[in-house]
Amino acid sequence: MLIGYNTYAGIRHDADWTDVVVDSVEELGLGIITAAGLLVLLARTTSDMSLEEIVGKIVIEAGVVAIGFSVGTAQLGADDEEGVGRLSQAPGIMSQLVISLCGAVLIAANVAPTEEIVLIAAEVGVPRLMIIIALSVLLAVLILFFSNFRQAHRLAKAETSWHAAAGGVMTYVVAFVASAAILWFFGRFDTVQMEMAVAQTVVLSLPATLGASAGRLLLQS
């Protein structure tokens, strides 16, 4: 994901493939160091834990932190002229999917391990889940086509309402898939029925859509 993000949204528009890989490895290294330091500071890793448990915690946290470093560099590390190289290129479908996925993971990975997702999914019924889906798509449309993010002045508005709706649905699908994958990774599907698994995914897809929309906005044309 870091390589994908740096390829399509990095601030170094003249970078070649090697530079992209080096930048991604550096960001991952910073993520590992930062995650390890914070886990020690917050007493989430202690000397009585096994090496496997400590490494597992650091790796899980480092992935999200590294994406944050990459996003922060692209959004805050350069002015408009430095960032114009890649953000002004006409985005393809692959670039939009990659950036949407990075944004969705960045948000969803921080929420998926919490108990609130399980509690909300267990309490809401099918009608409310349908409303959550509709709200998620609506938020995607609003963020993509009616916000004023950095570089948004270079982005074209939706030509028709159908174009805007299709963009929102596409972004939601990416967020839904990312949410399902993250929930599976954290073992949320191990002991539940299909209905509960889908409900959890729909609930998590709401915040994930916010991240996917913000990410895709970087390349939407």
C-alpha atoms as a PDB file:
ATOM      1  CA  MET A   1       0.000   0.000   0.000  1.00  0.00           C
ATOM      2  CA  LEU A   2       2.873   2.368   0.715  1.00  0.00           C
ATOM      3  CA  ILE A   3       4.369   1.724  -2.712  1.00  0.00           C
ATOM      4  CA  GLY A   4       0.959   2.257  -4.307  1.00  0.00           C
ATOM      5  CA  TYR A   5       0.362   5.495  -2.428  1.00  0.00           C
ATOM      6  CA  ASN A   6       3.813   6.888  -3.174  1.00  0.00           C
ATOM      7  CA  THR A   7       3.473   5.886  -6.824  1.00  0.00           C
ATOM      8  CA  TYR A   8       0.221   7.746  -7.393  1.00  0.00           C
ATOM      9  CA  ALA A   9       0.214  10.530  -4.778  1.00  0.00           C
ATOM     10  CA  GLY A  10       3.808  11.093  -3.712  1.00  0.00           C
ATOM     11  CA  ILE A  11       5.159  14.630  -3.776  1.00  0.00           C
ATOM     12  CA  ARG A  12       8.260  13.621  -5.741  1.00  0.00           C
ATOM     13  CA  HIS A  13       6.812  13.717  -9.245  1.00  0.00           C
ATOM     14  CA  ASP A  14      10.188  13.019 -10.857  1.00  0.00           C
ATOM     15  CA  ALA A  15      10.922   9.923  -8.751  1.00  0.00           C
ATOM     16  CA  ASP A  16      11.527   6.611 -10.480  1.00  0.00           C
ATOM     17  CA  TRP A  17      10.534   3.125  -9.291  1.00  0.00           C
ATOM     18  CA  THR A  18      13.625   2.778  -7.088  1.00  0.00           C
ATOM     19  CA  ASP A  19      12.925   6.073  -5.337  1.00  0.00           C
ATOM     20  CA  VAL A  20       9.346   5.010  -4.664  1.00  0.00           C
ATOM     21  CA  VAL A  21      10.473   1.731  -3.103  1.00  0.00           C
ATOM     22  CA  VAL A  22      13.139   3.479  -1.000  1.00  0.00           C
ATOM     23  CA  ASP A  23      10.629   6.058   0.240  1.00  0.00           C
ATOM     24  CA  SER A  24       8.170   3.295   1.145  1.00  0.00           C
ATOM     25  CA  VAL A  25      10.789   1.301   3.055  1.00  0.00           C
ATOM     26  CA  GLU A  26      11.874   4.429   4.924  1.00  0.00           C
ATOM     27  CA  GLU A  27       8.281   5.191   5.904  1.00  0.00           C
ATOM     28  CA  LEU A  28       7.760   1.623   7.069  1.00  0.00           C
ATOM     29  CA  GLY A  29      10.924   1.888   9.159  1.00  0.00           C
ATOM     30  CA  LEU A  30       9.697   5.109  10.721  1.00  0.00           C
ATOM     31  CA  GLY A  31       6.357   3.429  11.384  1.00  0.00           C
ATOM     32  CA  ILE A  32       8.035   0.520  13.171  1.00  0.00           C
ATOM     33  CA  ILE A  33      10.209   2.808  15.312  1.00  0.00           C
ATOM     34  CA  THR A  34       7.303   5.104  16.188  1.00  0.00           C
ATOM     35  CA  ALA A  35       4.914   2.246  16.957  1.00  0.00           C
ATOM     36  CA  ALA A  36       7.491   0.493  19.137  1.00  0.00           C
ATOM     37  CA  GLY A  37       8.223   3.683  21.067  1.00  0.00           C
ATOM     38  CA  LEU A  38       4.562   4.498  21.666  1.00  0.00           C
ATOM     39  CA  LEU A  39       3.707   0.949  22.739  1.00  0.00           C
ATOM     40  CA  VAL A  40       6.513   1.048  25.289  1.00  0.00           C
ATOM     41  CA  LEU A  41       5.467   4.509  26.459  1.00  0.00           C
ATOM     42  CA  LEU A  42       1.860   3.387  26.926  1.00  0.00           C
ATOM     43  CA  ALA A  43       2.960   0.154  28.625  1.00  0.00           C
ATOM     44  CA  ARG A  44       1.353  -1.985  25.918  1.00  0.00           C
ATOM     45  CA  THR A  45       4.570  -3.994  25.600  1.00  0.00           C
ATOM     46  CA  THR A  46       6.373  -5.216  28.708  1.00  0.00           C
ATOM     47  CA  SER A  47       9.305  -7.460  29.523  1.00  0.00           C
ATOM     48  CA  ASP A  48       7.074 -10.317  30.656  1.00  0.00           C
ATOM     49  CA  MET A  49       5.534 -10.674  27.168  1.00  0.00           C
ATOM     50  CA  SER A  50       6.857 -13.132  24.639  1.00  0.00           C
ATOM     51  CA  LEU A  51       8.918 -11.864  21.720  1.00  0.00           C
ATOM     52  CA  GLU A  52       6.217 -13.082  19.323  1.00  0.00           C
ATOM     53  CA  GLU A  53       3.533 -11.031  21.088  1.00  0.00           C
ATOM     54  CA  ILE A  54       5.684  -7.898  21.172  1.00  0.00           C
ATOM     55  CA  VAL A  55       6.629  -8.180  17.504  1.00  0.00           C
ATOM     56  CA  GLY A  56       2.999  -8.849  16.583  1.00  0.00           C
ATOM     57  CA  LYS A  57       1.780  -5.699  18.315  1.00  0.00           C
ATOM     58  CA  ILE A  58       4.493  -3.562  16.740  1.00  0.00           C
ATOM     59  CA  VAL A  59       3.878  -4.890  13.232  1.00  0.00           C
ATOM     60  CA  ILE A  60       0.108  -4.371  13.408  1.00  0.00           C
ATOM     61  CA  GLU A  61       0.478  -0.801  14.647  1.00  0.00           C
ATOM     62  CA  ALA A  62       3.419   0.028  12.382  1.00  0.00           C
ATOM     63  CA  GLY A  63       1.441  -0.608   9.201  1.00  0.00           C
ATOM     64  CA  VAL A  64      -1.127   2.064  10.021  1.00  0.00           C
ATOM     65  CA  VAL A  65       1.491   4.490  11.357  1.00  0.00           C
ATOM     66  CA  ALA A  66       3.555   4.083   8.179  1.00  0.00           C
ATOM     67  CA  ILE A  67       0.562   4.947   6.002  1.00  0.00           C
ATOM     68  CA  GLY A  68       0.074   8.004   8.187  1.00  0.00           C
ATOM     69  CA  PHE A  69       3.660   9.041   7.538  1.00  0.00           C
ATOM     70  CA  SER A  70       3.127   8.658   3.802  1.00  0.00           C
ATOM     71  CA  VAL A  71      -0.122  10.620   3.814  1.00  0.00           C
ATOM     72  CA  GLY A  72       1.379  13.319   6.020  1.00  0.00           C
ATOM     73  CA  THR A  73       4.358  13.706   3.706  1.00  0.00           C
ATOM     74  CA  ALA A  74       2.162  14.034   0.623  1.00  0.00           C
ATOM     75  CA  GLN A  75      -0.320  16.429   2.242  1.00  0.00           C
ATOM     76  CA  LEU A  76       1.878  18.524   4.518  1.00  0.00           C
ATOM     77  CA  GLY A  77       5.425  18.019   3.326  1.00  0.00           C
ATOM     78  CA  ALA A  78       5.351  20.190   0.231  1.00  0.00           C
ATOM     79  CA  ASP A  79       3.709  23.265  -1.200  1.00  0.00           C
ATOM     80  CA  ASP A  80       1.376  23.274  -4.181  1.00  0.00           C
ATOM     81  CA  GLU A  81       4.149  23.625  -6.758  1.00  0.00           C
ATOM     82  CA  GLU A  82       6.077  20.640  -5.413  1.00  0.00           C
ATOM     83  CA  GLY A  83       2.977  18.513  -5.267  1.00  0.00           C
ATOM     84  CA  VAL A  84       1.646  19.389  -8.692  1.00  0.00           C
ATOM     85  CA  GLY A  85       3.581  16.664 -10.526  1.00  0.00           C
ATOM     86  CA  ARG A  86       1.524  13.632  -9.622  1.00  0.00           C
ATOM     87  CA  LEU A  87      -1.669  15.189  -8.385  1.00  0.00           C
ATOM     88  CA  SER A  88      -2.196  16.884 -11.739  1.00  0.00           C
ATOM     89  CA  GLN A  89      -1.826  13.681 -13.747  1.00  0.00           C
ATOM     90  CA  ALA A  90      -4.999  12.151 -15.123  1.00  0.00           C
ATOM     91  CA  PRO A  91      -5.863   9.346 -12.715  1.00  0.00           C
ATOM     92  CA  GLY A  92      -6.722   5.871 -13.924  1.00  0.00           C
ATOM     93  CA  ILE A  93      -9.015   3.350 -12.315  1.00  0.00           C
ATOM     94  CA  MET A  94      -6.109   1.508 -10.663  1.00  0.00           C
ATOM     95  CA  SER A  95      -4.718   4.656  -9.070  1.00  0.00           C
ATOM     96  CA  GLN A  96      -8.125   5.549  -7.668  1.00  0.00           C
ATOM     97  CA  LEU A  97      -8.585   2.062  -6.210  1.00  0.00           C
ATOM     98  CA  VAL A  98      -5.139   2.053  -4.611  1.00  0.00           C
ATOM     99  CA  ILE A  99      -5.531   5.471  -3.021  1.00  0.00           C
ATOM    100  CA  SER A 100      -9.057   4.660  -1.839  1.00  0.00           C
ATOM    101  CA  LEU A 101      -7.813   1.434  -0.284  1.00  0.00           C
ATOM    102  CA  CYS A 102      -5.020   3.216   1.576  1.00  0.00           C
ATOM    103  CA  GLY A 103      -7.418   5.787   2.979  1.00  0.00           C
ATOM    104  CA  ALA A 104      -9.941   3.147   4.011  1.00  0.00           C
ATOM    105  CA  VAL A 105      -7.319   1.018   5.768  1.00  0.00           C
ATOM    106  CA  LEU A 106      -5.873   4.043   7.548  1.00  0.00           C
ATOM    107  CA  ILE A 107      -9.229   4.748   9.193  1.00  0.00           C
ATOM    108  CA  ALA A 108     -10.765   1.286   9.506  1.00  0.00           C
ATOM    109  CA  ALA A 109      -7.717  -0.383  11.051  1.00  0.00           C
ATOM    110  CA  ASN A 110      -7.953   1.953  14.023  1.00  0.00           C
ATOM    111  CA  VAL A 111     -11.639   1.221  14.606  1.00  0.00           C
ATOM    112  CA  ALA A 112     -11.982  -2.473  13.753  1.00  0.00           C
ATOM    113  CA  PRO A 113     -10.438  -3.869  16.990  1.00  0.00           C
ATOM    114  CA  THR A 114     -12.851  -1.930  19.206  1.00  0.00           C
ATOM    115  CA  GLU A 115     -15.899  -3.500  20.816  1.00  0.00           C
ATOM    116  CA  GLU A 116     -18.170  -0.730  19.582  1.00  0.00           C
ATOM    117  CA  ILE A 117     -18.285  -2.232  16.082  1.00  0.00           C
ATOM    118  CA  VAL A 118     -19.554  -5.541  17.479  1.00  0.00           C
ATOM    119  CA  LEU A 119     -22.061  -3.887  19.825  1.00  0.00           C
ATOM    120  CA  ILE A 120     -23.511  -1.610  17.157  1.00  0.00           C
ATOM    121  CA  ALA A 121     -23.731  -4.435  14.635  1.00  0.00           C
ATOM    122  CA  ALA A 122     -25.578  -6.604  17.156  1.00  0.00           C
ATOM    123  CA  GLU A 123     -28.088  -3.904  18.086  1.00  0.00           C
ATOM    124  CA  VAL A 124     -29.055  -2.415  14.729  1.00  0.00           C
ATOM    125  CA  GLY A 125     -31.453  -4.215  12.435  1.00  0.00           C
ATOM    126  CA  VAL A 126     -31.533  -4.603   8.682  1.00  0.00           C
ATOM    127  CA  PRO A 127     -33.418  -1.320   8.038  1.00  0.00           C
ATOM    128  CA  ARG A 128     -30.786   0.672   9.935  1.00  0.00           C
ATOM    129  CA  LEU A 129     -27.997  -1.164   8.158  1.00  0.00           C
ATOM    130  CA  MET A 130     -29.506  -0.126   4.835  1.00  0.00           C
ATOM    131  CA  ILE A 131     -29.617   3.463   6.062  1.00  0.00           C
ATOM    132  CA  ILE A 132     -25.946   3.226   7.087  1.00  0.00           C
ATOM    133  CA  ILE A 133     -25.069   2.022   3.579  1.00  0.00           C
ATOM    134  CA  ALA A 134     -26.990   4.889   1.987  1.00  0.00           C
ATOM    135  CA  LEU A 135     -25.392   7.384   4.379  1.00  0.00           C
ATOM    136  CA  SER A 136     -21.929   6.041   3.586  1.00  0.00           C
ATOM    137  CA  VAL A 137     -22.472   6.461  -0.166  1.00  0.00           C
ATOM    138  CA  LEU A 138     -23.887   9.957   0.381  1.00  0.00           C
ATOM    139  CA  LEU A 139     -20.861  10.972   2.450  1.00  0.00           C
ATOM    140  CA  ALA A 140     -18.572   9.644  -0.272  1.00  0.00           C
ATOM    141  CA  VAL A 141     -20.356  11.764  -2.885  1.00  0.00           C
ATOM    142  CA  LEU A 142     -20.243  14.877  -0.716  1.00  0.00           C
ATOM    143  CA  ILE A 143     -16.553  14.512   0.073  1.00  0.00           C
ATOM    144  CA  LEU A 144     -15.531  13.646  -3.481  1.00  0.00           C
ATOM    145  CA  PHE A 145     -17.441  16.294  -5.355  1.00  0.00           C
ATOM    146  CA  PHE A 146     -18.418  19.043  -2.918  1.00  0.00           C
ATOM    147  CA  SER A 147     -15.464  19.453  -0.557  1.00  0.00           C
ATOM    148  CA  ASN A 148     -12.466  21.766  -0.679  1.00  0.00           C
ATOM    149  CA  PHE A 149      -9.538  19.501   0.186  1.00  0.00           C
ATOM    150  CA  ARG A 150      -5.947  20.325  -0.697  1.00  0.00           C
ATOM    151  CA  GLN A 151      -5.541  20.264  -4.517  1.00  0.00           C
ATOM    152  CA  ALA A 152      -9.339  20.137  -4.899  1.00  0.00           C
ATOM    153  CA  HIS A 153      -9.262  23.267  -7.072  1.00  0.00           C
ATOM    154  CA  ARG A 154      -7.612  21.153  -9.776  1.00  0.00           C
ATOM    155  CA  LEU A 155     -10.338  18.523  -9.726  1.00  0.00           C
ATOM    156  CA  ALA A 156     -13.280  18.530 -12.106  1.00  0.00           C
ATOM    157  CA  LYS A 157     -16.816  18.372 -10.793  1.00  0.00           C
ATOM    158  CA  ALA A 158     -19.064  15.457 -11.615  1.00  0.00           C
ATOM    159  CA  GLU A 159     -20.565  15.923 -15.072  1.00  0.00           C
ATOM    160  CA  THR A 160     -23.905  14.405 -14.064  1.00  0.00           C
ATOM    161  CA  SER A 161     -25.618  13.192 -10.926  1.00  0.00           C
ATOM    162  CA  TRP A 162     -25.154   9.628 -12.189  1.00  0.00           C
ATOM    163  CA  HIS A 163     -21.407  10.204 -12.428  1.00  0.00           C
ATOM    164  CA  ALA A 164     -21.331  11.421  -8.833  1.00  0.00           C
ATOM    165  CA  ALA A 165     -23.430   8.480  -7.652  1.00  0.00           C
ATOM    166  CA  ALA A 166     -21.179   5.994  -9.464  1.00  0.00           C
ATOM    167  CA  GLY A 167     -18.121   7.568  -7.856  1.00  0.00           C
ATOM    168  CA  GLY A 168     -19.706   7.277  -4.428  1.00  0.00           C
ATOM    169  CA  VAL A 169     -20.693   3.648  -4.946  1.00  0.00           C
ATOM    170  CA  MET A 170     -17.237   2.720  -6.217  1.00  0.00           C
ATOM    171  CA  THR A 171     -15.617   4.319  -3.189  1.00  0.00           C
ATOM    172  CA  TYR A 172     -18.010   2.551  -0.842  1.00  0.00           C
ATOM    173  CA  VAL A 173     -17.277  -0.826  -2.417  1.00  0.00           C
ATOM    174  CA  VAL A 174     -13.552  -0.313  -1.776  1.00  0.00           C
ATOM    175  CA  ALA A 175     -14.283   0.674   1.827  1.00  0.00           C
ATOM    176  CA  PHE A 176     -16.557  -2.350   2.282  1.00  0.00           C
ATOM    177  CA  VAL A 177     -13.927  -4.786   0.981  1.00  0.00           C
ATOM    178  CA  ALA A 178     -11.208  -3.185   3.112  1.00  0.00           C
ATOM    179  CA  SER A 179     -13.444  -3.337   6.192  1.00  0.00           C
ATOM    180  CA  ALA A 180     -14.236  -7.005   5.651  1.00  0.00           C
ATOM    181  CA  ALA A 181     -10.554  -7.860   5.215  1.00  0.00           C
ATOM    182  CA  ILE A 182      -9.537  -5.997   8.365  1.00  0.00           C
ATOM    183  CA  LEU A 183     -12.308  -7.547  10.458  1.00  0.00           C
ATOM    184  CA  TRP A 184     -11.268 -10.986   9.217  1.00  0.00           C
ATOM    185  CA  PHE A 185      -7.646 -10.209  10.064  1.00  0.00           C
ATOM    186  CA  PHE A 186      -8.587  -9.355  13.647  1.00  0.00           C
ATOM    187  CA  GLY A 187     -10.633 -12.541  13.967  1.00  0.00           C
ATOM    188  CA  ARG A 188     -14.033 -10.862  14.150  1.00  0.00           C
ATOM    189  CA  PHE A 189     -15.587 -13.447  11.813  1.00  0.00           C
ATOM    190  CA  ASP A 190     -14.279 -16.563  13.541  1.00  0.00           C
ATOM    191  CA  THR A 191     -17.264 -17.364  15.743  1.00  0.00           C
ATOM    192  CA  VAL A 192     -20.139 -15.403  14.201  1.00  0.00           C
ATOM    193  CA  GLN A 193     -22.763 -16.174  11.587  1.00  0.00           C
ATOM    194  CA  MET A 194     -22.796 -14.612   8.131  1.00  0.00           C
ATOM    195  CA  GLU A 195     -25.477 -12.075   9.096  1.00  0.00           C
ATOM    196  CA  MET A 196     -23.365 -10.747  11.966  1.00  0.00           C
ATOM    197  CA  ALA A 197     -20.246 -10.642   9.819  1.00  0.00           C
ATOM    198  CA  VAL A 198     -22.037  -8.573   7.190  1.00  0.00           C
ATOM    199  CA  ALA A 199     -23.490  -6.270   9.860  1.00  0.00           C
ATOM    200  CA  GLN A 200     -20.036  -5.611  11.324  1.00  0.00           C
ATOM    201  CA  THR A 201     -18.658  -4.890   7.874  1.00  0.00           C
ATOM    202  CA  VAL A 202     -21.441  -2.423   7.092  1.00  0.00           C
ATOM    203  CA  VAL A 203     -20.913  -0.597  10.387  1.00  0.00           C
ATOM    204  CA  LEU A 204     -17.142  -0.368   9.913  1.00  0.00           C
ATOM    205  CA  SER A 205     -17.608   0.704   6.291  1.00  0.00           C
ATOM    206  CA  LEU A 206     -19.055   4.030   7.419  1.00  0.00           C
ATOM    207  CA  PRO A 207     -15.793   5.428   8.853  1.00  0.00           C
ATOM    208  CA  ALA A 208     -13.792   3.522   6.236  1.00  0.00           C
ATOM    209  CA  THR A 209     -15.700   5.362   3.504  1.00  0.00           C
ATOM    210  CA  LEU A 210     -14.541   8.676   4.946  1.00  0.00           C
ATOM    211  CA  GLY A 211     -10.929   7.598   4.564  1.00  0.00           C
ATOM    212  CA  ALA A 212     -11.473   6.098   1.118  1.00  0.00           C
ATOM    213  CA  SER A 213     -13.198   9.266  -0.098  1.00  0.00           C
ATOM    214  CA  ALA A 214     -10.470  11.571   1.179  1.00  0.00           C
ATOM    215  CA  GLY A 215      -7.854   9.345  -0.407  1.00  0.00           C
ATOM    216  CA  ARG A 216      -9.561   9.096  -3.753  1.00  0.00           C
ATOM    217  CA  LEU A 217     -10.034  12.864  -3.829  1.00  0.00           C
ATOM    218  CA  LEU A 218      -6.302  13.234  -4.300  1.00  0.00           C
ATOM    219  CA  LEU A 219      -6.559  11.746  -7.797  1.00  0.00           C
ATOM    220  CA  GLN A 220     -10.168  12.296  -8.842  1.00  0.00           C
ATOM    221  CA  SER A 221     -10.472  14.184 -12.127  1.00  0.00           C
END
